PDB file of N, CA and C in Angstrom:
ATOM      1  N   UNK A   1       0.834  -1.162   0.000  1.00  0.00           N
ATOM      2  CA  UNK A   1       0.000   0.000   0.000  1.00  0.00           C
ATOM      3  C   UNK A   1       0.884   1.232   0.000  1.00  0.00           C
ATOM      4  N   UNK A   2       0.585   2.161  -0.856  1.00  0.00           N
ATOM      5  CA  UNK A   2       1.367   3.390  -0.923  1.00  0.00           C
ATOM      6  C   UNK A   2       0.756   4.433  -0.008  1.00  0.00           C
ATOM      7  N   UNK A   3       1.594   5.224   0.583  1.00  0.00           N
ATOM      8  CA  UNK A   3       1.120   6.343   1.385  1.00  0.00           C
ATOM      9  C   UNK A   3       1.366   7.606   0.586  1.00  0.00           C
ATOM     10  N   UNK A   4       0.412   8.484   0.627  1.00  0.00           N
ATOM     11  CA  UNK A   4       0.558   9.748  -0.089  1.00  0.00           C
ATOM     12  C   UNK A   4       0.575  10.890   0.927  1.00  0.00           C
ATOM     13  N   UNK A   5       1.417  11.837   0.673  1.00  0.00           N
ATOM     14  CA  UNK A   5       1.486  13.013   1.528  1.00  0.00           C
ATOM     15  C   UNK A   5       1.450  14.239   0.636  1.00  0.00           C
ATOM     16  N   UNK A   6       0.878  15.289   1.110  1.00  0.00           N
ATOM     17  CA  UNK A   6       0.835  16.531   0.345  1.00  0.00           C
ATOM     18  C   UNK A   6       1.746  17.541   1.009  1.00  0.00           C
ATOM     19  N   UNK A   7       2.440  18.298   0.185  1.00  0.00           N
ATOM     20  CA  UNK A   7       3.272  19.376   0.692  1.00  0.00           C
ATOM     21  C   UNK A   7       2.911  20.637  -0.071  1.00  0.00           C
ATOM     22  N   UNK A   8       3.146  21.739   0.531  1.00  0.00           N
ATOM     23  CA  UNK A   8       2.904  23.011  -0.144  1.00  0.00           C
ATOM     24  C   UNK A   8       4.240  23.584  -0.557  1.00  0.00           C
ATOM     25  N   UNK A   9       4.273  24.095  -1.757  1.00  0.00           N
ATOM     26  CA  UNK A   9       5.501  24.691  -2.244  1.00  0.00           C
ATOM     27  C   UNK A   9       5.194  26.015  -2.903  1.00  0.00           C
ATOM     28  N   UNK A  10       6.159  26.884  -2.964  1.00  0.00           N
ATOM     29  CA  UNK A  10       5.963  28.187  -3.579  1.00  0.00           C
ATOM     30  C   UNK A  10       6.659  28.175  -4.923  1.00  0.00           C
ATOM     31  N   UNK A  11       5.871  28.213  -5.990  1.00  0.00           N
ATOM     32  CA  UNK A  11       6.401  28.162  -7.347  1.00  0.00           C
ATOM     33  C   UNK A  11       5.903  29.387  -8.094  1.00  0.00           C
ATOM     34  N   UNK A  12       6.749  30.389  -8.264  1.00  0.00           N
ATOM     35  CA  UNK A  12       6.391  31.644  -8.933  1.00  0.00           C
ATOM     36  C   UNK A  12       5.185  32.313  -8.267  1.00  0.00           C
ATOM     37  N   UNK A  13       5.144  32.292  -6.955  1.00  0.00           N
ATOM     38  CA  UNK A  13       4.063  32.943  -6.242  1.00  0.00           C
ATOM     39  C   UNK A  13       2.804  32.111  -6.124  1.00  0.00           C
ATOM     40  N   UNK A  14       2.775  30.946  -6.733  1.00  0.00           N
ATOM     41  CA  UNK A  14       1.595  30.083  -6.653  1.00  0.00           C
ATOM     42  C   UNK A  14       1.845  28.988  -5.617  1.00  0.00           C
ATOM     43  N   UNK A  15       0.834  28.680  -4.868  1.00  0.00           N
ATOM     44  CA  UNK A  15       0.934  27.584  -3.915  1.00  0.00           C
ATOM     45  C   UNK A  15       0.264  26.373  -4.535  1.00  0.00           C
ATOM     46  N   UNK A  16       0.974  25.265  -4.548  1.00  0.00           N
ATOM     47  CA  UNK A  16       0.459  24.070  -5.207  1.00  0.00           C
ATOM     48  C   UNK A  16       0.677  22.860  -4.309  1.00  0.00           C
ATOM     49  N   UNK A  17      -0.343  22.050  -4.182  1.00  0.00           N
ATOM     50  CA  UNK A  17      -0.226  20.798  -3.431  1.00  0.00           C
ATOM     51  C   UNK A  17       0.062  19.686  -4.414  1.00  0.00           C
ATOM     52  N   UNK A  18       1.158  18.993  -4.219  1.00  0.00           N
ATOM     53  CA  UNK A  18       1.538  17.888  -5.093  1.00  0.00           C
ATOM     54  C   UNK A  18       1.638  16.627  -4.252  1.00  0.00           C
ATOM     55  N   UNK A  19       1.019  15.529  -4.701  1.00  0.00           N
ATOM     56  CA  UNK A  19       1.155  14.281  -3.944  1.00  0.00           C
ATOM     57  C   UNK A  19       2.570  13.728  -4.080  1.00  0.00           C
ATOM     58  N   UNK A  20       3.061  13.162  -3.009  1.00  0.00           N
ATOM     59  CA  UNK A  20       4.364  12.510  -3.006  1.00  0.00           C
ATOM     60  C   UNK A  20       4.127  11.045  -2.673  1.00  0.00           C
ATOM     61  N   UNK A  21       4.661  10.168  -3.477  1.00  0.00           N
ATOM     62  CA  UNK A  21       4.509   8.742  -3.232  1.00  0.00           C
ATOM     63  C   UNK A  21       5.635   8.289  -2.321  1.00  0.00           C
ATOM     64  N   UNK A  22       5.269   7.675  -1.211  1.00  0.00           N
ATOM     65  CA  UNK A  22       6.249   7.154  -0.265  1.00  0.00           C
ATOM     66  C   UNK A  22       6.230   5.638  -0.376  1.00  0.00           C
ATOM     67  N   UNK A  23       7.359   5.040  -0.665  1.00  0.00           N
ATOM     68  CA  UNK A  23       7.439   3.589  -0.812  1.00  0.00           C
ATOM     69  C   UNK A  23       7.986   3.232  -2.178  1.00  0.00           C
ATOM     70  N   UNK A  24       8.253   1.982  -2.356  1.00  0.00           N
ATOM     71  CA  UNK A  24       8.852   1.505  -3.602  1.00  0.00           C
ATOM     72  C   UNK A  24       7.774   1.180  -4.628  1.00  0.00           C
ATOM     73  N   UNK A  25       8.067   1.475  -5.880  1.00  0.00           N
ATOM     74  CA  UNK A  25       7.204   1.051  -6.975  1.00  0.00           C
ATOM     75  C   UNK A  25       7.683  -0.322  -7.418  1.00  0.00           C
ATOM     76  N   UNK A  26       6.863  -1.317  -7.239  1.00  0.00           N
ATOM     77  CA  UNK A  26       7.225  -2.680  -7.618  1.00  0.00           C
ATOM     78  C   UNK A  26       7.046  -2.860  -9.117  1.00  0.00           C
ATOM     79  N   UNK A  27       7.886  -3.692  -9.707  1.00  0.00           N
ATOM     80  CA  UNK A  27       7.785  -3.987 -11.137  1.00  0.00           C
ATOM     81  C   UNK A  27       6.510  -4.784 -11.396  1.00  0.00           C
ATOM     82  N   UNK A  28       5.824  -4.499 -12.499  1.00  0.00           N
ATOM     83  CA  UNK A  28       4.615  -5.273 -12.808  1.00  0.00           C
ATOM     84  C   UNK A  28       4.974  -6.717 -13.144  1.00  0.00           C
ATOM     85  N   UNK A  29       4.028  -7.610 -12.954  1.00  0.00           N
ATOM     86  CA  UNK A  29       4.256  -9.014 -13.284  1.00  0.00           C
ATOM     87  C   UNK A  29       4.311  -9.192 -14.796  1.00  0.00           C
ATOM     88  N   UNK A  30       5.239 -10.006 -15.253  1.00  0.00           N
ATOM     89  CA  UNK A  30       5.392 -10.304 -16.679  1.00  0.00           C
ATOM     90  C   UNK A  30       4.495 -11.472 -17.094  1.00  0.00           C
ATOM     91  N   UNK A  31       4.221 -12.390 -16.167  1.00  0.00           N
ATOM     92  CA  UNK A  31       3.433 -13.586 -16.462  1.00  0.00           C
ATOM     93  C   UNK A  31       2.175 -13.615 -15.606  1.00  0.00           C
ATOM     94  N   UNK A  32       1.108 -14.172 -16.172  1.00  0.00           N
ATOM     95  CA  UNK A  32      -0.179 -14.282 -15.489  1.00  0.00           C
ATOM     96  C   UNK A  32      -0.295 -15.636 -14.787  1.00  0.00           C
ATOM     97  N   UNK A  33      -1.201 -15.726 -13.840  1.00  0.00           N
ATOM     98  CA  UNK A  33      -1.491 -17.004 -13.202  1.00  0.00           C
ATOM     99  C   UNK A  33      -2.063 -17.957 -14.244  1.00  0.00           C
ATOM    100  N   UNK A  34      -1.695 -19.220 -14.178  1.00  0.00           N
ATOM    101  CA  UNK A  34      -2.094 -20.295 -15.108  1.00  0.00           C
ATOM    102  C   UNK A  34      -1.432 -20.193 -16.481  1.00  0.00           C
ATOM    103  N   UNK A  35      -0.572 -19.205 -16.695  1.00  0.00           N
ATOM    104  CA  UNK A  35       0.142 -19.094 -17.976  1.00  0.00           C
ATOM    105  C   UNK A  35       1.233 -20.157 -18.030  1.00  0.00           C
ATOM    106  N   UNK A  36       1.468 -20.694 -19.226  1.00  0.00           N
ATOM    107  CA  UNK A  36       2.547 -21.662 -19.411  1.00  0.00           C
ATOM    108  C   UNK A  36       3.838 -20.914 -19.713  1.00  0.00           C
ATOM    109  N   UNK A  37       4.920 -21.338 -19.062  1.00  0.00           N
ATOM    110  CA  UNK A  37       6.228 -20.713 -19.233  1.00  0.00           C
ATOM    111  C   UNK A  37       7.286 -21.792 -19.422  1.00  0.00           C
ATOM    112  N   UNK A  38       8.418 -21.388 -19.995  1.00  0.00           N
ATOM    113  CA  UNK A  38       9.548 -22.292 -20.214  1.00  0.00           C
ATOM    114  C   UNK A  38      10.737 -21.789 -19.418  1.00  0.00           C
ATOM    115  N   UNK A  39      11.538 -22.731 -18.908  1.00  0.00           N
ATOM    116  CA  UNK A  39      12.757 -22.368 -18.208  1.00  0.00           C
ATOM    117  C   UNK A  39      13.824 -22.056 -19.263  1.00  0.00           C
ATOM    118  N   UNK A  40      14.503 -20.929 -19.124  1.00  0.00           N
ATOM    119  CA  UNK A  40      15.503 -20.502 -20.113  1.00  0.00           C
ATOM    120  C   UNK A  40      16.680 -21.475 -20.224  1.00  0.00           C
ATOM    121  N   UNK A  41      17.024 -22.166 -19.153  1.00  0.00           N
ATOM    122  CA  UNK A  41      18.238 -22.988 -19.153  1.00  0.00           C
ATOM    123  C   UNK A  41      17.986 -24.461 -19.434  1.00  0.00           C
ATOM    124  N   UNK A  42      16.740 -24.840 -19.697  1.00  0.00           N
ATOM    125  CA  UNK A  42      16.443 -26.253 -19.961  1.00  0.00           C
ATOM    126  C   UNK A  42      15.240 -26.350 -20.898  1.00  0.00           C
ATOM    127  N   UNK A  43      14.874 -27.558 -21.242  1.00  0.00           N
ATOM    128  CA  UNK A  43      13.702 -27.777 -22.091  1.00  0.00           C
ATOM    129  C   UNK A  43      12.437 -27.968 -21.261  1.00  0.00           C
ATOM    130  N   UNK A  44      12.506 -27.686 -19.979  1.00  0.00           N
ATOM    131  CA  UNK A  44      11.362 -27.888 -19.103  1.00  0.00           C
ATOM    132  C   UNK A  44      10.383 -26.723 -19.222  1.00  0.00           C
ATOM    133  N   UNK A  45       9.116 -27.022 -19.020  1.00  0.00           N
ATOM    134  CA  UNK A  45       8.092 -25.990 -19.050  1.00  0.00           C
ATOM    135  C   UNK A  45       7.014 -26.347 -18.042  1.00  0.00           C
ATOM    136  N   UNK A  46       6.249 -25.358 -17.623  1.00  0.00           N
ATOM    137  CA  UNK A  46       5.212 -25.612 -16.637  1.00  0.00           C
ATOM    138  C   UNK A  46       4.224 -24.473 -16.532  1.00  0.00           C
ATOM    139  N   UNK A  47       3.396 -24.555 -15.503  1.00  0.00           N
ATOM    140  CA  UNK A  47       2.300 -23.608 -15.286  1.00  0.00           C
ATOM    141  C   UNK A  47       2.592 -22.709 -14.091  1.00  0.00           C
ATOM    142  N   UNK A  48       2.313 -21.414 -14.240  1.00  0.00           N
ATOM    143  CA  UNK A  48       2.451 -20.466 -13.133  1.00  0.00           C
ATOM    144  C   UNK A  48       1.305 -20.714 -12.155  1.00  0.00           C
ATOM    145  N   UNK A  49       1.658 -21.133 -10.936  1.00  0.00           N
ATOM    146  CA  UNK A  49       0.663 -21.416  -9.899  1.00  0.00           C
ATOM    147  C   UNK A  49       0.514 -20.262  -8.911  1.00  0.00           C
ATOM    148  N   UNK A  50       1.592 -19.498  -8.699  1.00  0.00           N
ATOM    149  CA  UNK A  50       1.571 -18.372  -7.767  1.00  0.00           C
ATOM    150  C   UNK A  50       2.679 -17.417  -8.175  1.00  0.00           C
ATOM    151  N   UNK A  51       2.629 -16.215  -7.651  1.00  0.00           N
ATOM    152  CA  UNK A  51       3.686 -15.243  -7.943  1.00  0.00           C
ATOM    153  C   UNK A  51       3.870 -14.331  -6.740  1.00  0.00           C
ATOM    154  N   UNK A  52       5.084 -13.820  -6.601  1.00  0.00           N
ATOM    155  CA  UNK A  52       5.421 -12.965  -5.463  1.00  0.00           C
ATOM    156  C   UNK A  52       6.152 -11.735  -5.970  1.00  0.00           C
ATOM    157  N   UNK A  53       5.866 -10.611  -5.339  1.00  0.00           N
ATOM    158  CA  UNK A  53       6.447  -9.335  -5.738  1.00  0.00           C
ATOM    159  C   UNK A  53       7.218  -8.777  -4.541  1.00  0.00           C
ATOM    160  N   UNK A  54       8.434  -8.307  -4.790  1.00  0.00           N
ATOM    161  CA  UNK A  54       9.291  -7.815  -3.721  1.00  0.00           C
ATOM    162  C   UNK A  54       9.716  -6.378  -3.995  1.00  0.00           C
ATOM    163  N   UNK A  55       9.897  -5.601  -2.936  1.00  0.00           N
ATOM    164  CA  UNK A  55      10.325  -4.215  -3.072  1.00  0.00           C
ATOM    165  C   UNK A  55      11.780  -4.118  -3.510  1.00  0.00           C
ATOM    166  N   UNK A  56      12.602  -5.101  -3.139  1.00  0.00           N
ATOM    167  CA  UNK A  56      14.034  -5.005  -3.420  1.00  0.00           C
ATOM    168  C   UNK A  56      14.578  -6.184  -4.224  1.00  0.00           C
ATOM    169  N   UNK A  57      13.746  -6.841  -5.006  1.00  0.00           N
ATOM    170  CA  UNK A  57      14.211  -7.966  -5.820  1.00  0.00           C
ATOM    171  C   UNK A  57      13.266  -8.213  -6.981  1.00  0.00           C
ATOM    172  N   UNK A  58      13.663  -9.147  -7.845  1.00  0.00           N
ATOM    173  CA  UNK A  58      12.820  -9.422  -9.005  1.00  0.00           C
ATOM    174  C   UNK A  58      11.601 -10.253  -8.625  1.00  0.00           C
ATOM    175  N   UNK A  59      10.570 -10.168  -9.438  1.00  0.00           N
ATOM    176  CA  UNK A  59       9.367 -10.959  -9.222  1.00  0.00           C
ATOM    177  C   UNK A  59       9.711 -12.440  -9.266  1.00  0.00           C
ATOM    178  N   UNK A  60       9.012 -13.231  -8.462  1.00  0.00           N
ATOM    179  CA  UNK A  60       9.217 -14.676  -8.386  1.00  0.00           C
ATOM    180  C   UNK A  60       7.920 -15.382  -8.763  1.00  0.00           C
ATOM    181  N   UNK A  61       8.061 -16.568  -9.369  1.00  0.00           N
ATOM    182  CA  UNK A  61       6.909 -17.345  -9.818  1.00  0.00           C
ATOM    183  C   UNK A  61       7.038 -18.780  -9.329  1.00  0.00           C
ATOM    184  N   UNK A  62       5.942 -19.320  -8.804  1.00  0.00           N
ATOM    185  CA  UNK A  62       5.885 -20.718  -8.396  1.00  0.00           C
ATOM    186  C   UNK A  62       5.404 -21.503  -9.608  1.00  0.00           C
ATOM    187  N   UNK A  63       6.289 -22.362 -10.134  1.00  0.00           N
ATOM    188  CA  UNK A  63       6.005 -23.106 -11.362  1.00  0.00           C
ATOM    189  C   UNK A  63       5.833 -24.582 -11.032  1.00  0.00           C
ATOM    190  N   UNK A  64       4.742 -25.167 -11.505  1.00  0.00           N
ATOM    191  CA  UNK A  64       4.511 -26.611 -11.393  1.00  0.00           C
ATOM    192  C   UNK A  64       4.875 -27.194 -12.753  1.00  0.00           C
ATOM    193  N   UNK A  65       5.847 -28.118 -12.775  1.00  0.00           N
ATOM    194  CA  UNK A  65       6.351 -28.634 -14.046  1.00  0.00           C
ATOM    195  C   UNK A  65       6.840 -30.066 -13.903  1.00  0.00           C
ATOM    196  N   UNK A  66       7.058 -30.699 -15.036  1.00  0.00           N
ATOM    197  CA  UNK A  66       7.630 -32.044 -15.072  1.00  0.00           C
ATOM    198  C   UNK A  66       9.134 -31.888 -15.242  1.00  0.00           C
ATOM    199  N   UNK A  67       9.885 -32.320 -14.241  1.00  0.00           N
ATOM    200  CA  UNK A  67      11.341 -32.192 -14.264  1.00  0.00           C
ATOM    201  C   UNK A  67      11.946 -33.142 -15.295  1.00  0.00           C
ATOM    202  N   UNK A  68      13.197 -32.916 -15.636  1.00  0.00           N
ATOM    203  CA  UNK A  68      13.897 -33.732 -16.636  1.00  0.00           C
ATOM    204  C   UNK A  68      13.934 -35.210 -16.255  1.00  0.00           C
ATOM    205  N   UNK A  69      13.916 -35.516 -14.956  1.00  0.00           N
ATOM    206  CA  UNK A  69      13.942 -36.918 -14.514  1.00  0.00           C
ATOM    207  C   UNK A  69      12.544 -37.541 -14.441  1.00  0.00           C
ATOM    208  N   UNK A  70      11.526 -36.807 -14.887  1.00  0.00           N
ATOM    209  CA  UNK A  70      10.170 -37.338 -14.946  1.00  0.00           C
ATOM    210  C   UNK A  70       9.286 -37.033 -13.750  1.00  0.00           C
ATOM    211  N   UNK A  71       9.860 -36.475 -12.697  1.00  0.00           N
ATOM    212  CA  UNK A  71       9.069 -36.142 -11.505  1.00  0.00           C
ATOM    213  C   UNK A  71       8.236 -34.889 -11.733  1.00  0.00           C
ATOM    214  N   UNK A  72       7.027 -34.879 -11.192  1.00  0.00           N
ATOM    215  CA  UNK A  72       6.248 -33.640 -11.137  1.00  0.00           C
ATOM    216  C   UNK A  72       6.781 -32.858  -9.948  1.00  0.00           C
ATOM    217  N   UNK A  73       7.096 -31.604 -10.142  1.00  0.00           N
ATOM    218  CA  UNK A  73       7.681 -30.807  -9.068  1.00  0.00           C
ATOM    219  C   UNK A  73       7.172 -29.374  -9.143  1.00  0.00           C
ATOM    220  N   UNK A  74       7.310 -28.667  -8.046  1.00  0.00           N
ATOM    221  CA  UNK A  74       6.897 -27.269  -7.962  1.00  0.00           C
ATOM    222  C   UNK A  74       8.024 -26.494  -7.298  1.00  0.00           C
ATOM    223  N   UNK A  75       8.501 -25.437  -7.959  1.00  0.00           N
ATOM    224  CA  UNK A  75       9.602 -24.626  -7.425  1.00  0.00           C
ATOM    225  C   UNK A  75       9.412 -23.166  -7.793  1.00  0.00           C
ATOM    226  N   UNK A  76      10.075 -22.294  -7.012  1.00  0.00           N
ATOM    227  CA  UNK A  76      10.075 -20.858  -7.287  1.00  0.00           C
ATOM    228  C   UNK A  76      11.204 -20.522  -8.254  1.00  0.00           C
ATOM    229  N   UNK A  77      10.908 -19.653  -9.225  1.00  0.00           N
ATOM    230  CA  UNK A  77      11.895 -19.178 -10.197  1.00  0.00           C
ATOM    231  C   UNK A  77      11.795 -17.662 -10.297  1.00  0.00           C
ATOM    232  N   UNK A  78      12.951 -17.014 -10.502  1.00  0.00           N
ATOM    233  CA  UNK A  78      12.963 -15.589 -10.771  1.00  0.00           C
ATOM    234  C   UNK A  78      12.452 -15.318 -12.179  1.00  0.00           C
ATOM    235  N   UNK A  79      11.874 -14.141 -12.372  1.00  0.00           N
ATOM    236  CA  UNK A  79      11.309 -13.767 -13.669  1.00  0.00           C
ATOM    237  C   UNK A  79      12.327 -13.864 -14.802  1.00  0.00           C
ATOM    238  N   UNK A  80      13.581 -13.547 -14.521  1.00  0.00           N
ATOM    239  CA  UNK A  80      14.622 -13.573 -15.554  1.00  0.00           C
ATOM    240  C   UNK A  80      14.959 -14.989 -16.017  1.00  0.00           C
ATOM    241  N   UNK A  81      14.530 -15.996 -15.270  1.00  0.00           N
ATOM    242  CA  UNK A  81      14.808 -17.395 -15.627  1.00  0.00           C
ATOM    243  C   UNK A  81      13.713 -18.005 -16.500  1.00  0.00           C
ATOM    244  N   UNK A  82      12.663 -17.234 -16.791  1.00  0.00           N
ATOM    245  CA  UNK A  82      11.496 -17.770 -17.487  1.00  0.00           C
ATOM    246  C   UNK A  82      11.211 -17.045 -18.795  1.00  0.00           C
ATOM    247  N   UNK A  83      10.589 -17.772 -19.723  1.00  0.00           N
ATOM    248  CA  UNK A  83      10.101 -17.204 -20.986  1.00  0.00           C
ATOM    249  C   UNK A  83       8.663 -17.658 -21.173  1.00  0.00           C
ATOM    250  N   UNK A  84       7.854 -16.832 -21.793  1.00  0.00           N
ATOM    251  CA  UNK A  84       6.465 -17.208 -22.060  1.00  0.00           C
ATOM    252  C   UNK A  84       6.412 -18.262 -23.156  1.00  0.00           C
ATOM    253  N   UNK A  85       5.565 -19.269 -22.971  1.00  0.00           N
ATOM    254  CA  UNK A  85       5.289 -20.238 -24.029  1.00  0.00           C
ATOM    255  C   UNK A  85       4.326 -19.561 -24.989  1.00  0.00           C
ATOM    256  N   UNK A  86       4.633 -19.623 -26.288  1.00  0.00           N
ATOM    257  CA  UNK A  86       3.785 -18.975 -27.287  1.00  0.00           C
ATOM    258  C   UNK A  86       3.086 -20.008 -28.147  1.00  0.00           C
ATOM    259  N   UNK A  87       1.911 -19.661 -28.629  1.00  0.00           N
ATOM    260  CA  UNK A  87       1.155 -20.504 -29.547  1.00  0.00           C
ATOM    261  C   UNK A  87       1.820 -20.408 -30.916  1.00  0.00           C
ATOM    262  N   UNK A  88       2.249 -21.538 -31.471  1.00  0.00           N
ATOM    263  CA  UNK A  88       2.940 -21.555 -32.767  1.00  0.00           C
ATOM    264  C   UNK A  88       2.055 -20.996 -33.879  1.00  0.00           C
ATOM    265  N   UNK A  89       0.751 -21.165 -33.759  1.00  0.00           N
ATOM    266  CA  UNK A  89      -0.169 -20.669 -34.790  1.00  0.00           C
ATOM    267  C   UNK A  89      -0.428 -19.179 -34.659  1.00  0.00           C
ATOM    268  N   UNK A  90      -0.147 -18.630 -33.472  1.00  0.00           N
ATOM    269  CA  UNK A  90      -0.393 -17.212 -33.204  1.00  0.00           C
ATOM    270  C   UNK A  90       0.805 -16.637 -32.447  1.00  0.00           C
ATOM    271  N   UNK A  91       1.916 -16.360 -33.154  1.00  0.00           N
ATOM    272  CA  UNK A  91       3.125 -15.860 -32.480  1.00  0.00           C
ATOM    273  C   UNK A  91       2.828 -14.622 -31.626  1.00  0.00           C
ATOM    274  N   UNK A  92       3.419 -14.610 -30.448  1.00  0.00           N
ATOM    275  CA  UNK A  92       3.236 -13.489 -29.535  1.00  0.00           C
ATOM    276  C   UNK A  92       2.082 -13.672 -28.559  1.00  0.00           C
ATOM    277  N   UNK A  93       1.218 -14.655 -28.812  1.00  0.00           N
ATOM    278  CA  UNK A  93       0.085 -14.913 -27.913  1.00  0.00           C
ATOM    279  C   UNK A  93       0.496 -15.889 -26.818  1.00  0.00           C
ATOM    280  N   UNK A  94       0.255 -15.535 -25.557  1.00  0.00           N
ATOM    281  CA  UNK A  94       0.590 -16.456 -24.469  1.00  0.00           C
ATOM    282  C   UNK A  94      -0.337 -17.663 -24.471  1.00  0.00           C
ATOM    283  N   UNK A  95       0.115 -18.737 -23.846  1.00  0.00           N
ATOM    284  CA  UNK A  95      -0.668 -19.968 -23.735  1.00  0.00           C
ATOM    285  C   UNK A  95      -0.998 -20.170 -22.260  1.00  0.00           C
ATOM    286  N   UNK A  96      -2.233 -20.562 -21.993  1.00  0.00           N
ATOM    287  CA  UNK A  96      -2.673 -20.790 -20.619  1.00  0.00           C
ATOM    288  C   UNK A  96      -3.033 -22.251 -20.428  1.00  0.00           C
ATOM    289  N   UNK A  97      -2.906 -22.716 -19.185  1.00  0.00           N
ATOM    290  CA  UNK A  97      -3.214 -24.107 -18.853  1.00  0.00           C
ATOM    291  C   UNK A  97      -4.704 -24.366 -19.044  1.00  0.00           C
ATOM    292  N   UNK A  98      -5.016 -25.594 -19.371  1.00  0.00           N
ATOM    293  CA  UNK A  98      -6.393 -26.013 -19.578  1.00  0.00           C
ATOM    294  C   UNK A  98      -7.112 -26.099 -18.243  1.00  0.00           C
ATOM    295  N   UNK A  99      -8.305 -25.556 -18.195  1.00  0.00           N
ATOM    296  CA  UNK A  99      -9.128 -25.663 -16.988  1.00  0.00           C
ATOM    297  C   UNK A  99     -10.425 -26.354 -17.349  1.00  0.00           C
ATOM    298  N   UNK A 100     -10.805 -27.330 -16.562  1.00  0.00           N
ATOM    299  CA  UNK A 100     -12.079 -28.010 -16.775  1.00  0.00           C
ATOM    300  C   UNK A 100     -13.175 -27.173 -16.119  1.00  0.00           C
ATOM    301  N   UNK A 101     -14.147 -26.763 -16.905  1.00  0.00           N
ATOM    302  CA  UNK A 101     -15.234 -25.947 -16.386  1.00  0.00           C
ATOM    303  C   UNK A 101     -16.325 -26.834 -15.800  1.00  0.00           C
ATOM    304  N   UNK A 102     -17.031 -26.350 -14.785  1.00  0.00           N
ATOM    305  CA  UNK A 102     -18.085 -27.158 -14.155  1.00  0.00           C
ATOM    306  C   UNK A 102     -19.259 -27.400 -15.090  1.00  0.00           C
TER     307      UNK A 102
END
């Protein structure tokens, strides 16, 4: 949550109240929940299950994926370690995990 404070300043004889943002501006998330992503350093890919935003570090994503040894696993990865999986028929479009509707 950002806190805003107003201060008065004298600018060419005019008094103006300007909001000041106190706190860090966090980077926006690059990936959405349920989006499919690929690990940059391997051929592994998985689904974004959760994400975390930090004031002093890069965004983190909890990825559920099938590891190279065949195990299903879930681990946190930094945003810089991931790439979006794209639809080959529609370059640039992200791919999302399948959800069974009720």
